[in-house]
Amino acid sequence: MLTIRAMPERSLSPRALYEEVAERLRQRIFRRELEPGSWIDELSIAKAYGISRTPLREALKVLAAEGLVTMKVRRGAYVTEVSERDLADVYHLLGLLEADAAGVVAAIASDAHIAQLQALHNELEASAQPNAENCERFFEINERFHMQLLEIANNRWRDQMVADLRKVMKLNRHHSLLKSGRMNESLSEHRAIMAAISARDASAARQRMQEHFKNGLDAANPSY
């Protein structure tokens, strides 16, 4: 009789180096230390990080799959420039996905869930001052609110799609919030979303969220 010996389990390895590098570059792109359209100097970055170009190139493949980096034949890697059409498509899809999530939350959320969202909304209210420092804070709390709403709605496939789309949206988002009056408009839209969810009005919650993304696109790209 053939005996199959169980192989000893291997301990989990620490996070792969290329993933750490990808996260560093991702955050530099979001902070606009690497501007859209700029060439990524692989040699310089590898030297600065004290790594070979192999993990750096693997990291760039990850960022390219996320849409943050564009690989050009014989020219290297560039931070992605988001076209007007790209931006419209991303906002359209986010509006559909997050509006659906808002409707689900309005229908199923517990009192505790609504209290969590309300607490985040209160933080958003407190941070709404139109300057660069508060814009960063407003953006961070705003994203936490949307992520909490998605977590309550509890659909991992939607969550993955939204996460990928939001990475592309971040290439443009900070500029739109700094436009005159947009931060207050966004806050007003959040009030309407929160009111619809608190009233357990799924239809209104979906509509308010779609309006939020439509207005966000208008601010980000006035030609739409």
C-alpha atoms as a PDB file:
ATOM      1  CA  MET A   1       0.000   0.000   0.000  1.00  0.00           C
ATOM      2  CA  LEU A   2       1.369   3.402  -0.987  1.00  0.00           C
ATOM      3  CA  THR A   3       1.851   5.729   1.931  1.00  0.00           C
ATOM      4  CA  ILE A   4       1.784   9.445   1.252  1.00  0.00           C
ATOM      5  CA  ARG A   5       3.730  11.419   3.782  1.00  0.00           C
ATOM      6  CA  ALA A   6       2.406  14.828   4.675  1.00  0.00           C
ATOM      7  CA  MET A   7       4.892  17.538   3.880  1.00  0.00           C
ATOM      8  CA  PRO A   8       5.733  19.773   6.825  1.00  0.00           C
ATOM      9  CA  GLU A   9       3.972  23.095   6.665  1.00  0.00           C
ATOM     10  CA  ARG A  10       6.166  26.049   5.824  1.00  0.00           C
ATOM     11  CA  SER A  11       5.869  29.213   7.823  1.00  0.00           C
ATOM     12  CA  LEU A  12       4.340  32.128   6.006  1.00  0.00           C
ATOM     13  CA  SER A  13       6.891  34.407   4.418  1.00  0.00           C
ATOM     14  CA  PRO A  14       6.883  38.110   5.178  1.00  0.00           C
ATOM     15  CA  ARG A  15       5.288  40.438   2.685  1.00  0.00           C
ATOM     16  CA  ALA A  16       7.115  40.177  -0.631  1.00  0.00           C
ATOM     17  CA  LEU A  17       9.571  42.973  -1.311  1.00  0.00           C
ATOM     18  CA  TYR A  18       7.871  43.953  -4.560  1.00  0.00           C
ATOM     19  CA  GLU A  19       4.586  44.494  -2.680  1.00  0.00           C
ATOM     20  CA  GLU A  20       6.301  46.871  -0.260  1.00  0.00           C
ATOM     21  CA  VAL A  21       7.842  48.732  -3.175  1.00  0.00           C
ATOM     22  CA  ALA A  22       4.469  48.877  -4.960  1.00  0.00           C
ATOM     23  CA  GLU A  23       2.851  50.398  -1.869  1.00  0.00           C
ATOM     24  CA  ARG A  24       5.598  53.033  -1.535  1.00  0.00           C
ATOM     25  CA  LEU A  25       5.219  54.044  -5.169  1.00  0.00           C
ATOM     26  CA  ARG A  26       1.409  53.934  -4.926  1.00  0.00           C
ATOM     27  CA  GLN A  27       1.443  56.413  -2.050  1.00  0.00           C
ATOM     28  CA  ARG A  28       3.947  58.665  -3.857  1.00  0.00           C
ATOM     29  CA  ILE A  29       1.597  58.716  -6.849  1.00  0.00           C
ATOM     30  CA  PHE A  30      -1.402  59.550  -4.641  1.00  0.00           C
ATOM     31  CA  ARG A  31       0.605  62.354  -2.947  1.00  0.00           C
ATOM     32  CA  ARG A  32       1.595  63.603  -6.412  1.00  0.00           C
ATOM     33  CA  GLU A  33       5.279  63.266  -5.692  1.00  0.00           C
ATOM     34  CA  LEU A  34       5.135  61.344  -8.964  1.00  0.00           C
ATOM     35  CA  GLU A  35       2.922  63.435 -11.236  1.00  0.00           C
ATOM     36  CA  PRO A  36       0.573  62.013 -13.892  1.00  0.00           C
ATOM     37  CA  GLY A  37       2.479  61.686 -17.149  1.00  0.00           C
ATOM     38  CA  SER A  38       5.897  61.663 -15.474  1.00  0.00           C
ATOM     39  CA  TRP A  39       8.519  59.079 -16.386  1.00  0.00           C
ATOM     40  CA  ILE A  40       9.469  56.668 -13.595  1.00  0.00           C
ATOM     41  CA  ASP A  41      13.263  56.574 -13.340  1.00  0.00           C
ATOM     42  CA  GLU A  42      13.786  52.918 -12.426  1.00  0.00           C
ATOM     43  CA  LEU A  43      17.539  53.222 -11.873  1.00  0.00           C
ATOM     44  CA  SER A  44      17.177  56.207  -9.560  1.00  0.00           C
ATOM     45  CA  ILE A  45      14.331  54.653  -7.550  1.00  0.00           C
ATOM     46  CA  ALA A  46      16.099  51.298  -7.206  1.00  0.00           C
ATOM     47  CA  LYS A  47      19.186  53.095  -5.913  1.00  0.00           C
ATOM     48  CA  ALA A  48      17.165  55.232  -3.488  1.00  0.00           C
ATOM     49  CA  TYR A  49      15.365  52.148  -2.094  1.00  0.00           C
ATOM     50  CA  GLY A  50      18.527  50.039  -1.995  1.00  0.00           C
ATOM     51  CA  ILE A  51      17.026  47.281  -4.147  1.00  0.00           C
ATOM     52  CA  SER A  52      17.703  45.645  -7.498  1.00  0.00           C
ATOM     53  CA  ARG A  53      15.531  46.496 -10.480  1.00  0.00           C
ATOM     54  CA  THR A  54      13.820  43.072 -10.401  1.00  0.00           C
ATOM     55  CA  PRO A  55      11.459  43.753  -7.437  1.00  0.00           C
ATOM     56  CA  LEU A  56      10.946  47.280  -8.749  1.00  0.00           C
ATOM     57  CA  ARG A  57       9.796  45.967 -12.121  1.00  0.00           C
ATOM     58  CA  GLU A  58       7.465  43.487 -10.396  1.00  0.00           C
ATOM     59  CA  ALA A  59       6.043  46.387  -8.382  1.00  0.00           C
ATOM     60  CA  LEU A  60       5.495  48.383 -11.557  1.00  0.00           C
ATOM     61  CA  LYS A  61       3.573  45.448 -13.054  1.00  0.00           C
ATOM     62  CA  VAL A  62       1.254  45.526 -10.024  1.00  0.00           C
ATOM     63  CA  LEU A  63       0.673  49.263 -10.416  1.00  0.00           C
ATOM     64  CA  ALA A  64       0.121  48.842 -14.154  1.00  0.00           C
ATOM     65  CA  ALA A  65      -2.578  46.232 -13.429  1.00  0.00           C
ATOM     66  CA  GLU A  66      -4.244  48.766 -11.113  1.00  0.00           C
ATOM     67  CA  GLY A  67      -4.180  51.442 -13.817  1.00  0.00           C
ATOM     68  CA  LEU A  68      -1.802  53.743 -11.926  1.00  0.00           C
ATOM     69  CA  VAL A  69       1.181  53.119 -14.193  1.00  0.00           C
ATOM     70  CA  THR A  70       1.361  52.824 -17.981  1.00  0.00           C
ATOM     71  CA  MET A  71       4.112  50.697 -19.539  1.00  0.00           C
ATOM     72  CA  LYS A  72       5.368  51.981 -22.904  1.00  0.00           C
ATOM     73  CA  VAL A  73       7.420  49.764 -25.215  1.00  0.00           C
ATOM     74  CA  ARG A  74      11.116  50.725 -25.213  1.00  0.00           C
ATOM     75  CA  ARG A  75      10.286  53.842 -23.182  1.00  0.00           C
ATOM     76  CA  GLY A  76       9.656  52.460 -19.710  1.00  0.00           C
ATOM     77  CA  ALA A  77       6.996  53.177 -17.109  1.00  0.00           C
ATOM     78  CA  TYR A  78       4.987  56.376 -16.722  1.00  0.00           C
ATOM     79  CA  VAL A  79       2.453  57.522 -14.149  1.00  0.00           C
ATOM     80  CA  THR A  80      -0.915  57.194 -15.860  1.00  0.00           C
ATOM     81  CA  GLU A  81      -2.574  60.312 -17.204  1.00  0.00           C
ATOM     82  CA  VAL A  82      -6.328  60.030 -16.820  1.00  0.00           C
ATOM     83  CA  SER A  83      -8.172  61.227 -19.912  1.00  0.00           C
ATOM     84  CA  GLU A  84     -11.575  62.918 -19.807  1.00  0.00           C
ATOM     85  CA  ARG A  85     -13.151  59.706 -21.092  1.00  0.00           C
ATOM     86  CA  ASP A  86     -11.316  57.612 -18.482  1.00  0.00           C
ATOM     87  CA  LEU A  87     -12.511  59.905 -15.715  1.00  0.00           C
ATOM     88  CA  ALA A  88     -16.112  59.843 -16.939  1.00  0.00           C
ATOM     89  CA  ASP A  89     -16.082  56.044 -17.171  1.00  0.00           C
ATOM     90  CA  VAL A  90     -14.617  55.641 -13.673  1.00  0.00           C
ATOM     91  CA  TYR A  91     -17.118  58.019 -12.056  1.00  0.00           C
ATOM     92  CA  HIS A  92     -19.992  56.400 -13.937  1.00  0.00           C
ATOM     93  CA  LEU A  93     -19.127  52.935 -12.681  1.00  0.00           C
ATOM     94  CA  LEU A  94     -18.427  54.120  -9.145  1.00  0.00           C
ATOM     95  CA  GLY A  95     -21.782  55.907  -9.130  1.00  0.00           C
ATOM     96  CA  LEU A  96     -23.585  52.706 -10.098  1.00  0.00           C
ATOM     97  CA  LEU A  97     -21.707  50.455  -7.675  1.00  0.00           C
ATOM     98  CA  GLU A  98     -21.782  52.733  -4.663  1.00  0.00           C
ATOM     99  CA  ALA A  99     -25.384  53.799  -5.267  1.00  0.00           C
ATOM    100  CA  ASP A 100     -26.358  50.135  -5.154  1.00  0.00           C
ATOM    101  CA  ALA A 101     -24.391  49.753  -1.906  1.00  0.00           C
ATOM    102  CA  ALA A 102     -26.110  52.801  -0.398  1.00  0.00           C
ATOM    103  CA  GLY A 103     -29.504  51.306  -1.218  1.00  0.00           C
ATOM    104  CA  VAL A 104     -28.544  48.009   0.402  1.00  0.00           C
ATOM    105  CA  VAL A 105     -27.311  49.784   3.529  1.00  0.00           C
ATOM    106  CA  ALA A 106     -30.516  51.825   3.821  1.00  0.00           C
ATOM    107  CA  ALA A 107     -32.473  48.571   3.683  1.00  0.00           C
ATOM    108  CA  ILE A 108     -30.414  46.350   5.996  1.00  0.00           C
ATOM    109  CA  ALA A 109     -28.261  48.514   8.290  1.00  0.00           C
ATOM    110  CA  SER A 110     -28.629  48.093  12.025  1.00  0.00           C
ATOM    111  CA  ASP A 111     -28.818  51.080  14.359  1.00  0.00           C
ATOM    112  CA  ALA A 112     -25.180  50.417  15.240  1.00  0.00           C
ATOM    113  CA  HIS A 113     -24.190  50.549  11.556  1.00  0.00           C
ATOM    114  CA  ILE A 114     -25.961  53.852  11.070  1.00  0.00           C
ATOM    115  CA  ALA A 115     -24.278  55.221  14.195  1.00  0.00           C
ATOM    116  CA  GLN A 116     -20.880  54.273  12.702  1.00  0.00           C
ATOM    117  CA  LEU A 117     -21.685  56.134   9.493  1.00  0.00           C
ATOM    118  CA  GLN A 118     -23.030  59.113  11.412  1.00  0.00           C
ATOM    119  CA  ALA A 119     -19.826  59.318  13.468  1.00  0.00           C
ATOM    120  CA  LEU A 120     -17.753  59.427  10.281  1.00  0.00           C
ATOM    121  CA  HIS A 121     -20.092  62.020   8.813  1.00  0.00           C
ATOM    122  CA  ASN A 122     -19.635  64.166  11.933  1.00  0.00           C
ATOM    123  CA  GLU A 123     -15.860  63.991  11.437  1.00  0.00           C
ATOM    124  CA  LEU A 124     -16.381  65.056   7.837  1.00  0.00           C
ATOM    125  CA  GLU A 125     -18.417  68.079   8.968  1.00  0.00           C
ATOM    126  CA  ALA A 126     -15.660  69.102  11.374  1.00  0.00           C
ATOM    127  CA  SER A 127     -12.933  68.880   8.709  1.00  0.00           C
ATOM    128  CA  ALA A 128     -14.658  70.920   5.984  1.00  0.00           C
ATOM    129  CA  GLN A 129     -12.398  73.950   5.716  1.00  0.00           C
ATOM    130  CA  PRO A 130     -11.193  74.877   2.196  1.00  0.00           C
ATOM    131  CA  ASN A 131      -7.401  74.734   2.483  1.00  0.00           C
ATOM    132  CA  ALA A 132      -4.804  72.189   1.384  1.00  0.00           C
ATOM    133  CA  GLU A 133      -4.273  70.657   4.841  1.00  0.00           C
ATOM    134  CA  ASN A 134      -7.976  70.227   5.565  1.00  0.00           C
ATOM    135  CA  CYS A 135      -8.581  69.009   2.017  1.00  0.00           C
ATOM    136  CA  GLU A 136      -6.286  66.067   2.732  1.00  0.00           C
ATOM    137  CA  ARG A 137      -8.123  65.352   5.978  1.00  0.00           C
ATOM    138  CA  PHE A 138     -11.535  65.717   4.313  1.00  0.00           C
ATOM    139  CA  PHE A 139     -10.495  63.343   1.540  1.00  0.00           C
ATOM    140  CA  GLU A 140      -9.275  60.722   4.028  1.00  0.00           C
ATOM    141  CA  ILE A 141     -12.479  60.819   6.134  1.00  0.00           C
ATOM    142  CA  ASN A 142     -14.634  60.853   2.999  1.00  0.00           C
ATOM    143  CA  GLU A 143     -12.957  57.678   1.791  1.00  0.00           C
ATOM    144  CA  ARG A 144     -13.406  56.020   5.195  1.00  0.00           C
ATOM    145  CA  PHE A 145     -17.117  56.842   5.044  1.00  0.00           C
ATOM    146  CA  HIS A 146     -17.491  55.236   1.615  1.00  0.00           C
ATOM    147  CA  MET A 147     -15.441  52.187   2.646  1.00  0.00           C
ATOM    148  CA  GLN A 148     -17.537  51.753   5.797  1.00  0.00           C
ATOM    149  CA  LEU A 149     -20.712  51.920   3.735  1.00  0.00           C
ATOM    150  CA  LEU A 150     -19.355  49.237   1.394  1.00  0.00           C
ATOM    151  CA  GLU A 151     -18.342  47.060   4.334  1.00  0.00           C
ATOM    152  CA  ILE A 152     -21.872  47.225   5.730  1.00  0.00           C
ATOM    153  CA  ALA A 153     -23.338  46.370   2.302  1.00  0.00           C
ATOM    154  CA  ASN A 154     -21.054  43.297   2.350  1.00  0.00           C
ATOM    155  CA  ASN A 155     -20.423  42.274  -1.265  1.00  0.00           C
ATOM    156  CA  ARG A 156     -16.763  41.379  -1.759  1.00  0.00           C
ATOM    157  CA  TRP A 157     -16.966  41.409  -5.565  1.00  0.00           C
ATOM    158  CA  ARG A 158     -18.320  44.957  -5.561  1.00  0.00           C
ATOM    159  CA  ASP A 159     -15.693  45.924  -2.986  1.00  0.00           C
ATOM    160  CA  GLN A 160     -12.873  44.730  -5.243  1.00  0.00           C
ATOM    161  CA  MET A 161     -14.196  46.623  -8.256  1.00  0.00           C
ATOM    162  CA  VAL A 162     -14.660  49.802  -6.230  1.00  0.00           C
ATOM    163  CA  ALA A 163     -11.152  49.532  -4.746  1.00  0.00           C
ATOM    164  CA  ASP A 164      -9.587  49.326  -8.212  1.00  0.00           C
ATOM    165  CA  LEU A 165     -11.686  52.189  -9.601  1.00  0.00           C
ATOM    166  CA  ARG A 166     -10.957  54.425  -6.614  1.00  0.00           C
ATOM    167  CA  LYS A 167      -7.217  54.055  -7.160  1.00  0.00           C
ATOM    168  CA  VAL A 168      -7.627  55.571 -10.616  1.00  0.00           C
ATOM    169  CA  MET A 169      -9.971  58.265  -9.284  1.00  0.00           C
ATOM    170  CA  LYS A 170      -7.308  59.315  -6.765  1.00  0.00           C
ATOM    171  CA  LEU A 171      -5.104  60.466  -9.632  1.00  0.00           C
ATOM    172  CA  ASN A 172      -7.473  63.415  -9.999  1.00  0.00           C
ATOM    173  CA  ARG A 173      -9.608  63.736  -6.868  1.00  0.00           C
ATOM    174  CA  HIS A 174      -7.569  66.184  -4.745  1.00  0.00           C
ATOM    175  CA  HIS A 175      -7.721  68.882  -7.401  1.00  0.00           C
ATOM    176  CA  SER A 176     -11.510  68.733  -7.597  1.00  0.00           C
ATOM    177  CA  LEU A 177     -11.937  69.201  -3.832  1.00  0.00           C
ATOM    178  CA  LEU A 178      -9.835  72.367  -3.903  1.00  0.00           C
ATOM    179  CA  LYS A 179     -12.111  73.993  -6.480  1.00  0.00           C
ATOM    180  CA  SER A 180     -14.145  76.860  -5.132  1.00  0.00           C
ATOM    181  CA  GLY A 181     -17.183  75.624  -3.223  1.00  0.00           C
ATOM    182  CA  ARG A 182     -16.746  71.923  -4.052  1.00  0.00           C
ATOM    183  CA  MET A 183     -15.902  70.826  -0.515  1.00  0.00           C
ATOM    184  CA  ASN A 184     -19.107  72.372   0.849  1.00  0.00           C
ATOM    185  CA  GLU A 185     -21.106  70.898  -2.034  1.00  0.00           C
ATOM    186  CA  SER A 186     -19.674  67.450  -1.323  1.00  0.00           C
ATOM    187  CA  LEU A 187     -20.509  67.842   2.358  1.00  0.00           C
ATOM    188  CA  SER A 188     -24.093  68.805   1.516  1.00  0.00           C
ATOM    189  CA  GLU A 189     -24.379  65.722  -0.695  1.00  0.00           C
ATOM    190  CA  HIS A 190     -23.123  63.562   2.157  1.00  0.00           C
ATOM    191  CA  ARG A 191     -25.766  65.056   4.442  1.00  0.00           C
ATOM    192  CA  ALA A 192     -28.437  64.027   1.932  1.00  0.00           C
ATOM    193  CA  ILE A 193     -27.008  60.494   1.654  1.00  0.00           C
ATOM    194  CA  MET A 194     -26.853  60.168   5.432  1.00  0.00           C
ATOM    195  CA  ALA A 195     -30.422  61.453   5.801  1.00  0.00           C
ATOM    196  CA  ALA A 196     -31.741  58.920   3.262  1.00  0.00           C
ATOM    197  CA  ILE A 197     -29.928  56.032   4.943  1.00  0.00           C
ATOM    198  CA  SER A 198     -31.125  57.109   8.400  1.00  0.00           C
ATOM    199  CA  ALA A 199     -34.684  57.258   7.049  1.00  0.00           C
ATOM    200  CA  ARG A 200     -34.247  53.713   5.646  1.00  0.00           C
ATOM    201  CA  ASP A 201     -35.162  55.051   2.214  1.00  0.00           C
ATOM    202  CA  ALA A 202     -33.237  52.782  -0.172  1.00  0.00           C
ATOM    203  CA  SER A 203     -34.468  54.513  -3.327  1.00  0.00           C
ATOM    204  CA  ALA A 204     -33.461  57.964  -2.083  1.00  0.00           C
ATOM    205  CA  ALA A 205     -30.091  56.661  -0.855  1.00  0.00           C
ATOM    206  CA  ARG A 206     -29.308  55.257  -4.315  1.00  0.00           C
ATOM    207  CA  GLN A 207     -30.369  58.473  -6.020  1.00  0.00           C
ATOM    208  CA  ARG A 208     -28.416  60.735  -3.657  1.00  0.00           C
ATOM    209  CA  MET A 209     -25.258  58.653  -4.097  1.00  0.00           C
ATOM    210  CA  GLN A 210     -25.493  58.743  -7.882  1.00  0.00           C
ATOM    211  CA  GLU A 211     -25.955  62.512  -7.745  1.00  0.00           C
ATOM    212  CA  HIS A 212     -22.887  62.720  -5.504  1.00  0.00           C
ATOM    213  CA  PHE A 213     -20.722  61.016  -8.112  1.00  0.00           C
ATOM    214  CA  LYS A 214     -22.223  62.998 -10.980  1.00  0.00           C
ATOM    215  CA  ASN A 215     -21.434  66.243  -9.197  1.00  0.00           C
ATOM    216  CA  GLY A 216     -17.973  64.926  -8.344  1.00  0.00           C
ATOM    217  CA  LEU A 217     -17.312  64.314 -12.031  1.00  0.00           C
ATOM    218  CA  ASP A 218     -18.570  67.771 -12.949  1.00  0.00           C
ATOM    219  CA  ALA A 219     -16.111  69.279 -10.462  1.00  0.00           C
ATOM    220  CA  ALA A 220     -13.260  67.062 -11.572  1.00  0.00           C
ATOM    221  CA  ASN A 221     -13.870  67.661 -15.264  1.00  0.00           C
ATOM    222  CA  PRO A 222     -16.152  70.627 -16.069  1.00  0.00           C
ATOM    223  CA  SER A 223     -16.443  69.594 -19.732  1.00  0.00           C
ATOM    224  CA  TYR A 224     -18.756  66.717 -18.696  1.00  0.00           C
END
